[in-house]
């Protein structure tokens, strides 16, 4: 457990900027889709968007905070 925590801490220390860029990209994608489409379901879950789960990343970030 200690090794896992140290590994995640080190990864977050060196990659937090990339995480913010990815989150910003997702938010920009969702907001631009909302402006272009009238269907809310297409905006939140577009057909050409690769489904990825952000829950594990958010869990690790919140656990370390």
C-alpha atoms as a PDB file:
ATOM      1  CA  UNK A   1       0.000   0.000   0.000  1.00  0.00           C
ATOM      2  CA  UNK A   2       2.855   2.375   0.788  1.00  0.00           C
ATOM      3  CA  UNK A   3       4.562   1.554  -2.510  1.00  0.00           C
ATOM      4  CA  UNK A   4       1.293   2.192  -4.365  1.00  0.00           C
ATOM      5  CA  UNK A   5       0.815   5.547  -2.623  1.00  0.00           C
ATOM      6  CA  UNK A   6       4.393   6.621  -3.319  1.00  0.00           C
ATOM      7  CA  UNK A   7       4.073   5.586  -6.959  1.00  0.00           C
ATOM      8  CA  UNK A   8       0.833   7.509  -7.463  1.00  0.00           C
ATOM      9  CA  UNK A   9       2.247  10.543  -5.648  1.00  0.00           C
ATOM     10  CA  UNK A  10       5.320  10.545  -7.863  1.00  0.00           C
ATOM     11  CA  UNK A  11       3.255  10.140 -11.015  1.00  0.00           C
ATOM     12  CA  UNK A  12       0.927  12.972 -10.028  1.00  0.00           C
ATOM     13  CA  UNK A  13       3.829  15.219  -9.095  1.00  0.00           C
ATOM     14  CA  UNK A  14       5.326  14.870 -12.561  1.00  0.00           C
ATOM     15  CA  UNK A  15       2.137  14.637 -14.647  1.00  0.00           C
ATOM     16  CA  UNK A  16      -0.382  16.992 -13.019  1.00  0.00           C
ATOM     17  CA  UNK A  17      -0.073  19.451 -15.900  1.00  0.00           C
ATOM     18  CA  UNK A  18      -1.032  16.748 -18.427  1.00  0.00           C
ATOM     19  CA  UNK A  19      -4.026  15.776 -16.272  1.00  0.00           C
ATOM     20  CA  UNK A  20      -5.262  19.380 -16.312  1.00  0.00           C
ATOM     21  CA  UNK A  21      -4.818  19.507 -20.091  1.00  0.00           C
ATOM     22  CA  UNK A  22      -6.876  16.318 -20.563  1.00  0.00           C
ATOM     23  CA  UNK A  23      -9.645  17.560 -18.248  1.00  0.00           C
ATOM     24  CA  UNK A  24      -9.658  20.893 -20.084  1.00  0.00           C
ATOM     25  CA  UNK A  25      -9.889  19.075 -23.416  1.00  0.00           C
ATOM     26  CA  UNK A  26     -12.867  17.021 -22.184  1.00  0.00           C
ATOM     27  CA  UNK A  27     -14.636  20.116 -20.869  1.00  0.00           C
ATOM     28  CA  UNK A  28     -13.990  22.009 -24.107  1.00  0.00           C
ATOM     29  CA  UNK A  29     -15.282  19.047 -26.122  1.00  0.00           C
ATOM     30  CA  UNK A  30     -18.475  18.775 -24.066  1.00  0.00           C
ATOM     31  CA  UNK A  31     -19.154  22.524 -24.095  1.00  0.00           C
ATOM     32  CA  UNK A  32     -18.554  22.846 -27.826  1.00  0.00           C
ATOM     33  CA  UNK A  33     -20.834  19.851 -28.414  1.00  0.00           C
ATOM     34  CA  UNK A  34     -23.543  21.508 -26.317  1.00  0.00           C
ATOM     35  CA  UNK A  35     -23.330  24.620 -28.484  1.00  0.00           C
ATOM     36  CA  UNK A  36     -23.577  22.670 -31.748  1.00  0.00           C
ATOM     37  CA  UNK A  37     -26.239  20.119 -30.832  1.00  0.00           C
ATOM     38  CA  UNK A  38     -29.722  20.411 -29.481  1.00  0.00           C
ATOM     39  CA  UNK A  39     -29.745  16.847 -28.144  1.00  0.00           C
ATOM     40  CA  UNK A  40     -28.169  16.791 -24.676  1.00  0.00           C
ATOM     41  CA  UNK A  41     -27.324  13.075 -24.913  1.00  0.00           C
ATOM     42  CA  UNK A  42     -25.222  13.570 -28.050  1.00  0.00           C
ATOM     43  CA  UNK A  43     -23.389  16.416 -26.350  1.00  0.00           C
ATOM     44  CA  UNK A  44     -22.534  14.484 -23.198  1.00  0.00           C
ATOM     45  CA  UNK A  45     -21.839  11.164 -24.926  1.00  0.00           C
ATOM     46  CA  UNK A  46     -20.993  11.866 -28.591  1.00  0.00           C
ATOM     47  CA  UNK A  47     -20.940   8.907 -30.947  1.00  0.00           C
ATOM     48  CA  UNK A  48     -17.345   9.474 -32.061  1.00  0.00           C
ATOM     49  CA  UNK A  49     -15.941   9.939 -28.541  1.00  0.00           C
ATOM     50  CA  UNK A  50     -13.934   7.066 -27.029  1.00  0.00           C
ATOM     51  CA  UNK A  51     -15.567   6.158 -23.705  1.00  0.00           C
ATOM     52  CA  UNK A  52     -13.151   6.533 -20.816  1.00  0.00           C
ATOM     53  CA  UNK A  53     -13.892   6.511 -17.147  1.00  0.00           C
ATOM     54  CA  UNK A  54     -12.588   9.425 -15.110  1.00  0.00           C
ATOM     55  CA  UNK A  55     -13.765   7.967 -11.807  1.00  0.00           C
ATOM     56  CA  UNK A  56     -10.503   6.119 -10.980  1.00  0.00           C
ATOM     57  CA  UNK A  57      -8.413   9.208 -11.707  1.00  0.00           C
ATOM     58  CA  UNK A  58     -10.670  11.430  -9.604  1.00  0.00           C
ATOM     59  CA  UNK A  59     -10.634   8.884  -6.776  1.00  0.00           C
ATOM     60  CA  UNK A  60      -6.831   8.847  -6.668  1.00  0.00           C
ATOM     61  CA  UNK A  61      -6.602  12.643  -6.835  1.00  0.00           C
ATOM     62  CA  UNK A  62      -9.158  13.130  -4.069  1.00  0.00           C
ATOM     63  CA  UNK A  63      -7.521  10.450  -1.920  1.00  0.00           C
ATOM     64  CA  UNK A  64      -4.159  12.194  -2.154  1.00  0.00           C
ATOM     65  CA  UNK A  65      -5.601  15.604  -1.371  1.00  0.00           C
END
